[in-house]
Amino acid sequence: MPKVRTTRTRNWLIACAVAAALAPAASAQVGPDVTVYSVSGFSNYGAVGGVRAYSLGTTSCNIGDRPVNWCDSPGGCSGLQSNQHPVIAQSVYRLKEGRFEQIGMSWLKHGFLSTNSNAGSSCVGPGSQQCTVPPRGGDELGIGCTDTYGSGLNGSWSYMGPRSEVNATTGNFPFPAGNGPQSQVIDQRIQILESDLDAALNPGALYWGEGHYVADNDALAGNGFNNASYRPLTVGAAPGYDLSFNGSTIREKSAVDAWLVADPAVESVAVDFDDGVSPAERFEVARKVTEPSPGQFHYEYAIRNMNSDRSGRRLSIRFDGPVSFSNVGFKDVDHHSGEPYDPTDWLVDTGTPVDTISWSGGDFATDPDGNALRWGTMYNFWFDADVGPDQIDFHELTLFRPGTPCRVAFSFSPEFVFADDFETGDLCLWSDPVTGIP
């Protein structure tokens, strides 16, 4: 993937950043390319302490020109290793009063035994190739083939594993998966506060369910950006809060796209980067800016980590002059069921310098399990300011795990981005490059 050229002067770097809308991936890529063909059906496992547990069903489709690895046998599968199979993340999102949030997520379902089903013309490989059974049979997902896991299987403890074990950039993880608590019905499944579902507390709210696959040879082929799909859902009445889908599955797009569809005033940027060795990594950024009163602007940001193992630890937004900030907020989604991550909220800084607002989470050197924006999760940031978005110089996301680049800078318009490390207080080395949007 091309890098953005940078020019270094005495105390600043200039990078040309190109804004890219969250667009669907091409209909077929070279190599294995697993997508979520459909999201369907919910299982409702009950509640513990005001937290309710769910799982959703998923059907995958290989639109690539090579089979997708699907091996989970302890001794391997004709040259494949037992960890060369997909894992499936499940999430639920809500749009309420202009804020798009991830309100629930699961552990990972580990895939096994592909059925290699034929869905006709709706799931095909390049050249409209329909399902071709692969050489390894059920240990691979063939070109143009589908495989379905119902919500019961996707919520079964027998096949679950923690997210913390998986590198979503490469699709690598240890197997068998680590165990976690399995004593309460909410363990390891999609966990949602019942208060986030109660119609009386959430008038007019909209909801979506999302499935997201990660597979090793799909990721290594550079096809990891189209592995999520979403579908609108309806929440049933208390006390059961049953979930049901309405409408069609929106394929090859994460649920962030739902905010854009629901509100045309929302802007979006795909922030991609790579280190020249591993596959490219992506953060999806969406925002909405309103002017509730003359000269006073409200900013809503949602940032979803699509597949970045590097993860994010700091967001900075710099304006071109002094700003009065107020009504500043942050929201994350908590990991659960024994995941090791620190749930401490990111801290906000609106005073150093006076033209910049920033939120900072954990630091890898201090705590590798600190609160970082990890793959398959979405964080929210919001604030009021007395200047509009045309006065923003740049946005900068500092990465959590060490590596190159240390940070990525982006803009919502194709303009120059100025990144001044000394003034923003960025802890990255001064010599590190700033990377923009390809």
Protein backbone atom coordinates (compact mmCIF):
# COMPACT_ATOMS: atom_id res chain seq x y z
CA MET A 1 0.00 0.00 0.00
CA PRO A 2 1.45 3.42 -0.91
CA LYS A 3 2.75 5.63 1.86
CA VAL A 4 2.20 9.37 2.08
CA ARG A 5 5.36 11.33 1.43
CA THR A 6 6.46 13.62 4.23
CA THR A 7 8.71 16.66 4.24
CA ARG A 8 10.65 17.41 7.42
CA THR A 9 11.61 20.93 8.47
CA ARG A 10 12.98 22.28 11.75
CA ASN A 11 9.96 21.54 13.93
CA TRP A 12 7.11 20.22 11.87
CA LEU A 13 6.14 17.66 9.30
CA ILE A 14 3.77 18.18 6.42
CA ALA A 15 1.83 15.28 5.05
CA CYS A 16 -0.72 15.35 2.28
CA ALA A 17 -3.73 13.35 3.43
CA VAL A 18 -6.52 12.24 1.13
CA ALA A 19 -9.94 11.65 2.68
CA ALA A 20 -11.52 8.35 1.65
CA ALA A 21 -15.17 7.49 2.21
CA LEU A 22 -15.97 4.13 3.76
CA ALA A 23 -16.55 2.34 0.49
CA PRO A 24 -17.21 -1.35 -0.09
CA ALA A 25 -14.31 -3.50 -1.14
CA ALA A 26 -14.16 -4.74 -4.69
CA SER A 27 -16.54 -7.59 -5.43
CA ALA A 28 -13.65 -10.03 -5.78
CA GLN A 29 -10.04 -9.93 -4.71
CA VAL A 30 -7.05 -12.02 -5.67
CA GLY A 31 -6.52 -14.75 -3.11
CA PRO A 32 -8.94 -16.05 -0.47
CA ASP A 33 -11.56 -13.45 0.48
CA VAL A 34 -14.09 -14.34 3.16
CA THR A 35 -17.07 -12.03 3.60
CA VAL A 36 -20.19 -12.12 5.77
CA TYR A 37 -22.92 -13.11 3.34
CA SER A 38 -25.71 -12.75 5.88
CA VAL A 39 -26.39 -11.98 9.53
CA SER A 40 -29.45 -13.81 10.79
CA GLY A 41 -31.29 -14.91 13.92
CA PHE A 42 -30.66 -14.20 17.59
CA SER A 43 -30.45 -16.39 20.65
CA ASN A 44 -31.45 -14.74 23.95
CA TYR A 45 -29.80 -16.42 26.93
CA GLY A 46 -31.31 -14.31 29.72
CA ALA A 47 -29.84 -11.72 32.05
CA VAL A 48 -27.65 -11.43 35.13
CA GLY A 49 -27.54 -8.22 37.13
CA GLY A 50 -29.17 -6.11 34.43
CA VAL A 51 -26.87 -7.44 31.67
CA ARG A 52 -28.49 -9.54 28.95
CA ALA A 53 -26.70 -12.06 26.72
CA TYR A 54 -27.24 -12.78 23.03
CA SER A 55 -25.62 -14.41 20.03
CA LEU A 56 -26.39 -13.98 16.33
CA GLY A 57 -26.10 -16.27 13.32
CA THR A 58 -23.72 -15.72 10.42
CA THR A 59 -23.20 -17.09 6.92
CA SER A 60 -19.83 -16.60 5.25
CA CYS A 61 -19.06 -16.42 1.53
CA ASN A 62 -15.70 -16.71 -0.25
CA ILE A 63 -15.64 -14.21 -3.11
CA GLY A 64 -11.92 -14.75 -3.75
CA ASP A 65 -10.09 -16.98 -6.21
CA ARG A 66 -8.50 -19.29 -3.60
CA PRO A 67 -10.05 -21.37 -0.80
CA VAL A 68 -10.15 -19.91 2.72
CA ASN A 69 -8.45 -21.98 5.42
CA TRP A 70 -10.95 -23.72 7.74
CA CYS A 71 -8.87 -26.20 9.78
CA ASP A 72 -9.46 -26.78 13.49
CA SER A 73 -8.34 -30.42 13.84
CA PRO A 74 -5.75 -30.92 16.63
CA GLY A 75 -3.36 -32.73 14.28
CA GLY A 76 -3.78 -30.31 11.39
CA CYS A 77 -5.44 -30.81 8.01
CA SER A 78 -3.30 -31.98 5.09
CA GLY A 79 -0.66 -29.33 5.53
CA LEU A 80 -2.78 -26.77 7.41
CA GLN A 81 -2.35 -26.07 11.11
CA SER A 82 -5.19 -26.32 13.63
CA ASN A 83 -5.29 -22.54 14.10
CA GLN A 84 -5.85 -21.86 10.40
CA HIS A 85 -9.57 -21.23 10.60
CA PRO A 86 -11.73 -18.11 10.97
CA VAL A 87 -12.90 -16.54 14.19
CA ILE A 88 -16.19 -14.65 14.35
CA ALA A 89 -16.86 -11.50 16.39
CA GLN A 90 -20.43 -10.42 17.12
CA SER A 91 -21.50 -6.89 18.09
CA VAL A 92 -24.58 -4.71 18.56
CA TYR A 93 -24.72 -0.94 17.91
CA ARG A 94 -27.19 1.81 18.74
CA LEU A 95 -27.94 5.27 17.35
CA LYS A 96 -29.50 7.45 20.01
CA GLU A 97 -29.89 11.22 19.99
CA GLY A 98 -27.20 11.65 17.36
CA ARG A 99 -24.61 9.37 18.97
CA PHE A 100 -23.66 6.07 17.30
CA GLU A 101 -22.34 3.60 19.89
CA GLN A 102 -21.22 -0.01 20.22
CA ILE A 103 -23.32 -1.26 23.13
CA GLY A 104 -22.38 -4.92 23.18
CA MET A 105 -19.83 -7.44 21.95
CA SER A 106 -18.99 -11.11 22.30
CA TRP A 107 -15.93 -13.26 22.62
CA LEU A 108 -14.95 -15.04 19.38
CA LYS A 109 -16.59 -18.10 17.88
CA HIS A 110 -13.93 -20.40 16.33
CA GLY A 111 -14.98 -21.82 12.97
CA PHE A 112 -14.99 -25.52 12.12
CA LEU A 113 -15.95 -27.83 9.24
CA SER A 114 -17.08 -25.69 6.32
CA THR A 115 -20.22 -27.01 4.61
CA ASN A 116 -19.24 -25.51 1.22
CA SER A 117 -22.85 -24.78 0.31
CA ASN A 118 -23.97 -23.32 -3.02
CA ALA A 119 -25.94 -20.08 -2.77
CA GLY A 120 -26.28 -19.72 -6.52
CA SER A 121 -25.56 -16.36 -8.12
CA SER A 122 -25.65 -14.46 -4.81
CA CYS A 123 -22.28 -15.84 -3.65
CA VAL A 124 -19.74 -16.23 -6.42
CA GLY A 125 -16.03 -15.99 -7.03
CA PRO A 126 -14.34 -14.09 -9.88
CA GLY A 127 -16.02 -14.57 -13.23
CA SER A 128 -19.30 -15.47 -11.44
CA GLN A 129 -17.84 -18.83 -10.41
CA GLN A 130 -20.33 -20.67 -8.23
CA CYS A 131 -19.40 -22.98 -5.38
CA THR A 132 -16.49 -25.29 -6.12
CA VAL A 133 -15.72 -27.85 -3.42
CA PRO A 134 -12.05 -27.27 -2.46
CA PRO A 135 -9.29 -29.90 -2.34
CA ARG A 136 -9.42 -30.21 1.45
CA GLY A 137 -13.22 -30.41 1.60
CA GLY A 138 -14.61 -29.10 4.89
CA ASP A 139 -11.17 -27.92 6.00
CA GLU A 140 -11.46 -25.06 3.50
CA LEU A 141 -14.19 -22.72 2.25
CA GLY A 142 -14.25 -23.08 -1.52
CA ILE A 143 -14.51 -20.38 -4.15
CA GLY A 144 -18.10 -19.12 -4.35
CA CYS A 145 -19.14 -21.28 -1.38
CA THR A 146 -21.01 -20.41 1.81
CA ASP A 147 -20.94 -21.77 5.33
CA THR A 148 -23.55 -21.07 8.01
CA TYR A 149 -23.39 -21.03 11.80
CA GLY A 150 -26.70 -20.48 13.54
CA SER A 151 -26.93 -18.26 16.59
CA GLY A 152 -26.84 -21.35 18.82
CA LEU A 153 -23.45 -22.42 17.52
CA ASN A 154 -22.10 -18.87 17.60
CA GLY A 155 -23.08 -18.66 21.26
CA SER A 156 -21.86 -22.12 22.27
CA TRP A 157 -19.12 -22.10 24.91
CA SER A 158 -17.60 -25.17 23.27
CA TYR A 159 -16.33 -23.04 20.37
CA MET A 160 -15.57 -19.71 22.04
CA GLY A 161 -12.21 -18.02 22.61
CA PRO A 162 -11.01 -14.61 23.82
CA ARG A 163 -10.42 -11.69 21.47
CA SER A 164 -7.16 -10.92 23.26
CA GLU A 165 -5.48 -13.96 21.68
CA VAL A 166 -6.12 -12.90 18.08
CA ASN A 167 -3.97 -10.70 15.86
CA ALA A 168 -6.59 -9.43 13.41
CA THR A 169 -3.97 -7.92 11.09
CA THR A 170 -2.44 -11.33 10.30
CA GLY A 171 -5.22 -13.68 11.45
CA ASN A 172 -2.81 -15.50 13.75
CA PHE A 173 -3.73 -16.90 17.18
CA PRO A 174 -2.92 -19.85 19.46
CA PHE A 175 -5.20 -22.87 19.35
CA PRO A 176 -6.87 -24.48 21.25
CA ALA A 177 -8.24 -21.18 22.49
CA GLY A 178 -7.96 -20.06 26.07
CA ASN A 179 -10.79 -20.79 28.45
CA GLY A 180 -12.82 -18.30 30.43
CA PRO A 181 -15.71 -18.29 32.88
CA GLN A 182 -18.70 -20.36 31.80
CA SER A 183 -20.84 -20.34 34.93
CA GLN A 184 -23.27 -17.54 34.08
CA VAL A 185 -25.44 -17.32 30.97
CA ILE A 186 -23.88 -13.97 30.03
CA ASP A 187 -20.31 -15.30 29.95
CA GLN A 188 -18.50 -14.87 26.61
CA ARG A 189 -21.66 -13.92 24.68
CA ILE A 190 -22.80 -10.51 23.42
CA GLN A 191 -23.39 -8.58 26.64
CA ILE A 192 -25.77 -5.60 26.60
CA LEU A 193 -27.11 -3.55 29.50
CA GLU A 194 -30.89 -3.92 29.60
CA SER A 195 -31.06 -0.17 30.20
CA ASP A 196 -29.55 0.29 26.71
CA LEU A 197 -32.47 -1.67 25.24
CA ASP A 198 -35.41 -0.35 27.29
CA ALA A 199 -37.72 1.58 24.94
CA ALA A 200 -38.74 3.98 27.71
CA LEU A 201 -35.10 4.96 28.24
CA ASN A 202 -34.18 5.00 24.55
CA PRO A 203 -37.03 6.68 22.64
CA GLY A 204 -36.41 6.73 18.91
CA ALA A 205 -33.20 4.71 19.13
CA LEU A 206 -32.11 2.54 16.20
CA TYR A 207 -30.14 -0.72 16.50
CA TRP A 208 -27.95 -2.95 14.32
CA GLY A 209 -26.22 -6.32 14.67
CA GLU A 210 -22.82 -7.05 13.11
CA GLY A 211 -20.79 -10.14 12.26
CA HIS A 212 -17.04 -9.91 11.60
CA TYR A 213 -14.77 -12.75 10.41
CA VAL A 214 -10.97 -12.91 10.72
CA ALA A 215 -9.11 -15.64 8.79
CA ASP A 216 -5.37 -16.03 8.36
CA ASN A 217 -4.93 -16.48 4.61
CA ASP A 218 -7.65 -13.89 3.92
CA ALA A 219 -5.75 -11.37 6.08
CA LEU A 220 -2.34 -12.19 4.60
CA ALA A 221 -3.78 -11.74 1.09
CA GLY A 222 -4.70 -8.17 2.03
CA ASN A 223 -8.44 -8.83 2.07
CA GLY A 224 -9.18 -7.94 5.69
CA PHE A 225 -11.15 -4.75 5.06
CA ASN A 226 -14.43 -6.33 3.85
CA ASN A 227 -14.90 -8.99 6.53
CA ALA A 228 -17.79 -7.37 8.43
CA SER A 229 -21.46 -7.03 7.54
CA TYR A 230 -24.40 -5.62 9.48
CA ARG A 231 -28.18 -5.67 9.59
CA PRO A 232 -30.83 -3.49 11.28
CA LEU A 233 -32.63 -5.05 14.21
CA THR A 234 -35.68 -4.53 16.38
CA VAL A 235 -35.72 -4.71 20.18
CA GLY A 236 -38.63 -6.45 21.85
CA ALA A 237 -40.41 -5.24 24.95
CA ALA A 238 -39.33 -5.74 28.54
CA PRO A 239 -38.73 -7.93 30.39
CA GLY A 240 -37.39 -10.28 27.68
CA TYR A 241 -35.87 -7.77 25.26
CA ASP A 242 -35.82 -10.27 22.41
CA LEU A 243 -33.87 -9.11 19.36
CA SER A 244 -34.98 -9.74 15.78
CA PHE A 245 -33.62 -8.59 12.46
CA ASN A 246 -35.51 -6.41 10.00
CA GLY A 247 -34.33 -5.42 6.56
CA SER A 248 -31.46 -6.98 4.65
CA THR A 249 -27.84 -7.69 5.50
CA ILE A 250 -25.55 -4.91 4.29
CA ARG A 251 -22.57 -6.89 3.04
CA GLU A 252 -18.86 -6.08 3.20
CA LYS A 253 -19.35 -3.00 5.38
CA SER A 254 -19.01 -2.64 9.12
CA ALA A 255 -21.85 -1.20 11.16
CA VAL A 256 -20.23 2.27 11.07
CA ASP A 257 -21.81 2.53 7.63
CA ALA A 258 -25.24 2.38 9.29
CA TRP A 259 -24.69 5.82 10.80
CA LEU A 260 -23.97 7.28 7.37
CA VAL A 261 -27.08 5.65 5.92
CA ALA A 262 -29.28 6.85 8.79
CA ASP A 263 -27.92 10.40 8.70
CA PRO A 264 -26.55 11.93 5.45
CA ALA A 265 -24.86 14.69 7.49
CA VAL A 266 -22.34 12.19 8.84
CA GLU A 267 -18.85 12.25 7.30
CA SER A 268 -16.46 9.30 7.19
CA VAL A 269 -12.80 8.54 6.57
CA ALA A 270 -10.97 5.23 6.23
CA VAL A 271 -7.58 5.62 7.91
CA ASP A 272 -5.20 2.99 6.50
CA PHE A 273 -1.52 2.42 7.22
CA ASP A 274 1.10 -0.32 7.08
CA ASP A 275 4.67 -0.97 8.16
CA GLY A 276 5.79 -2.35 4.81
CA VAL A 277 5.84 -5.92 6.15
CA SER A 278 2.48 -6.87 7.65
CA PRO A 279 -0.89 -6.43 5.89
CA ALA A 280 -2.43 -2.97 5.94
CA GLU A 281 -4.41 -1.93 9.00
CA ARG A 282 -7.53 0.24 9.12
CA PHE A 283 -9.43 2.49 11.50
CA GLU A 284 -12.87 3.70 10.39
CA VAL A 285 -13.67 7.23 11.53
CA ALA A 286 -17.08 8.87 11.32
CA ARG A 287 -18.24 12.21 12.66
CA LYS A 288 -21.15 14.61 12.72
CA VAL A 289 -20.88 18.32 13.43
CA THR A 290 -23.93 20.42 14.30
CA GLU A 291 -24.42 24.07 15.25
CA PRO A 292 -27.08 24.03 17.99
CA SER A 293 -26.73 27.78 18.48
CA PRO A 294 -24.96 30.47 16.44
CA GLY A 295 -21.21 30.16 16.88
CA GLN A 296 -21.42 27.05 19.07
CA PHE A 297 -20.64 23.68 17.47
CA HIS A 298 -21.18 20.14 18.74
CA TYR A 299 -18.83 17.38 17.53
CA GLU A 300 -19.59 13.65 17.62
CA TYR A 301 -16.85 11.16 16.62
CA ALA A 302 -17.01 7.38 16.39
CA ILE A 303 -13.78 5.47 15.66
CA ARG A 304 -13.88 1.75 14.95
CA ASN A 305 -10.78 -0.41 14.74
CA MET A 306 -11.35 -2.73 11.79
CA ASN A 307 -8.26 -4.94 11.97
CA SER A 308 -5.37 -3.07 13.57
CA ASP A 309 -3.31 -5.15 15.97
CA ARG A 310 -1.29 -2.01 16.69
CA SER A 311 -4.49 -0.52 18.19
CA GLY A 312 -4.97 3.13 19.18
CA ARG A 313 -4.13 4.92 22.41
CA ARG A 314 -4.53 8.65 21.77
CA LEU A 315 -6.75 10.90 19.65
CA SER A 316 -5.80 14.54 19.12
CA ILE A 317 -7.77 17.17 17.21
CA ARG A 318 -5.94 20.41 16.52
CA PHE A 319 -7.56 23.67 15.46
CA ASP A 320 -5.81 26.61 13.83
CA GLY A 321 -6.24 28.90 16.84
CA PRO A 322 -7.39 29.05 20.47
CA VAL A 323 -10.64 27.21 21.21
CA SER A 324 -13.03 27.16 24.15
CA PHE A 325 -13.97 23.50 24.75
CA SER A 326 -16.89 22.28 26.86
CA ASN A 327 -19.27 19.31 27.22
CA VAL A 328 -16.38 16.90 26.59
CA GLY A 329 -17.08 13.16 26.71
CA PHE A 330 -15.75 9.69 26.02
CA LYS A 331 -17.31 6.23 25.82
CA ASP A 332 -15.77 2.83 25.18
CA VAL A 333 -17.16 -0.69 25.15
CA ASP A 334 -15.94 -2.94 27.94
CA HIS A 335 -14.31 -6.31 27.35
CA HIS A 336 -15.65 -9.02 29.63
CA SER A 337 -15.58 -12.66 30.74
CA GLY A 338 -12.01 -12.61 31.96
CA GLU A 339 -10.35 -10.61 29.18
CA PRO A 340 -7.24 -8.98 30.68
CA TYR A 341 -7.78 -5.42 29.49
CA ASP A 342 -7.93 -2.42 31.83
CA PRO A 343 -11.37 -0.73 31.55
CA THR A 344 -10.16 2.70 32.74
CA ASP A 345 -11.64 5.44 30.57
CA TRP A 346 -9.36 7.58 28.44
CA LEU A 347 -8.39 10.93 29.98
CA VAL A 348 -9.14 14.20 28.21
CA ASP A 349 -6.83 17.21 27.90
CA THR A 350 -8.23 20.53 26.66
CA GLY A 351 -5.53 22.86 27.91
CA THR A 352 -2.14 21.95 26.43
CA PRO A 353 -2.03 23.62 23.99
CA VAL A 354 -5.19 25.75 23.91
CA ASP A 355 -5.85 24.89 20.26
CA THR A 356 -5.93 21.10 20.78
CA ILE A 357 -8.24 18.61 22.43
CA SER A 358 -6.98 15.10 23.08
CA TRP A 359 -7.98 11.85 24.75
CA SER A 360 -5.35 9.39 25.99
CA GLY A 361 -5.63 5.78 27.09
CA GLY A 362 -3.11 3.21 28.24
CA ASP A 363 0.56 3.22 27.32
CA PHE A 364 1.98 -0.10 26.09
CA ALA A 365 5.31 0.34 27.87
CA THR A 366 3.51 0.83 31.17
CA ASP A 367 0.81 -1.80 30.70
CA PRO A 368 0.43 -3.99 27.57
CA ASP A 369 -3.16 -4.64 28.72
CA GLY A 370 -4.00 -0.96 29.06
CA ASN A 371 -7.20 0.44 27.60
CA ALA A 372 -6.49 0.73 23.87
CA LEU A 373 -8.85 0.96 20.90
CA ARG A 374 -8.46 -2.67 19.82
CA TRP A 375 -9.76 -4.47 16.74
CA GLY A 376 -13.50 -5.02 16.48
CA THR A 377 -14.29 -2.25 18.98
CA MET A 378 -15.54 1.31 18.55
CA TYR A 379 -15.00 4.30 20.85
CA ASN A 380 -16.89 7.61 21.00
CA PHE A 381 -15.52 11.11 21.53
CA TRP A 382 -17.57 14.30 21.73
CA PHE A 383 -17.24 17.97 22.67
CA ASP A 384 -18.57 21.47 22.10
CA ALA A 385 -16.40 24.24 20.68
CA ASP A 386 -16.78 27.87 19.71
CA VAL A 387 -15.26 27.30 16.26
CA GLY A 388 -16.44 25.22 13.31
CA PRO A 389 -14.88 22.21 11.57
CA ASP A 390 -13.35 24.35 8.84
CA GLN A 391 -10.91 25.55 11.52
CA ILE A 392 -9.54 22.04 12.22
CA ASP A 393 -5.93 21.66 11.10
CA PHE A 394 -5.71 17.89 11.52
CA HIS A 395 -6.67 14.79 13.47
CA GLU A 396 -3.99 12.45 14.78
CA LEU A 397 -4.32 8.91 16.14
CA THR A 398 -1.33 7.61 18.09
CA LEU A 399 -0.88 3.85 17.97
CA PHE A 400 -0.63 1.64 21.07
CA ARG A 401 1.80 -1.13 20.20
CA PRO A 402 5.35 -0.09 19.24
CA GLY A 403 6.15 -0.02 15.54
CA THR A 404 6.31 2.14 12.44
CA PRO A 405 4.51 4.42 11.90
CA CYS A 406 4.00 5.64 15.45
CA ARG A 407 0.92 7.69 14.59
CA VAL A 408 -1.44 8.40 11.71
CA ALA A 409 -2.77 11.81 10.72
CA PHE A 410 -5.99 12.29 8.78
CA SER A 411 -8.44 14.88 7.55
CA PHE A 412 -12.03 14.91 6.38
CA SER A 413 -11.07 16.88 3.29
CA PRO A 414 -8.18 16.52 0.79
CA GLU A 415 -6.02 19.23 2.34
CA PHE A 416 -2.55 19.46 3.86
CA VAL A 417 -2.24 18.14 7.40
CA PHE A 418 0.24 19.77 9.77
CA ALA A 419 1.48 17.55 12.58
CA ASP A 420 3.58 19.28 15.24
CA ASP A 421 4.76 16.72 17.78
CA PHE A 422 6.23 19.22 20.20
CA GLU A 423 3.02 21.19 20.58
CA THR A 424 0.65 18.22 20.71
CA GLY A 425 2.67 16.49 23.41
CA ASP A 426 2.84 13.28 21.41
CA LEU A 427 5.04 10.73 23.18
CA CYS A 428 6.27 9.21 19.91
CA LEU A 429 9.86 9.80 18.93
CA TRP A 430 10.34 13.01 16.93
CA SER A 431 12.02 11.09 14.14
CA ASP A 432 8.99 8.85 13.57
CA PRO A 433 7.15 9.44 10.31
CA VAL A 434 3.62 10.76 10.10
CA THR A 435 1.45 8.69 7.81
CA GLY A 436 -1.70 9.97 6.14
CA ILE A 437 -4.51 8.30 4.28
CA PRO A 438 -3.41 6.47 1.10
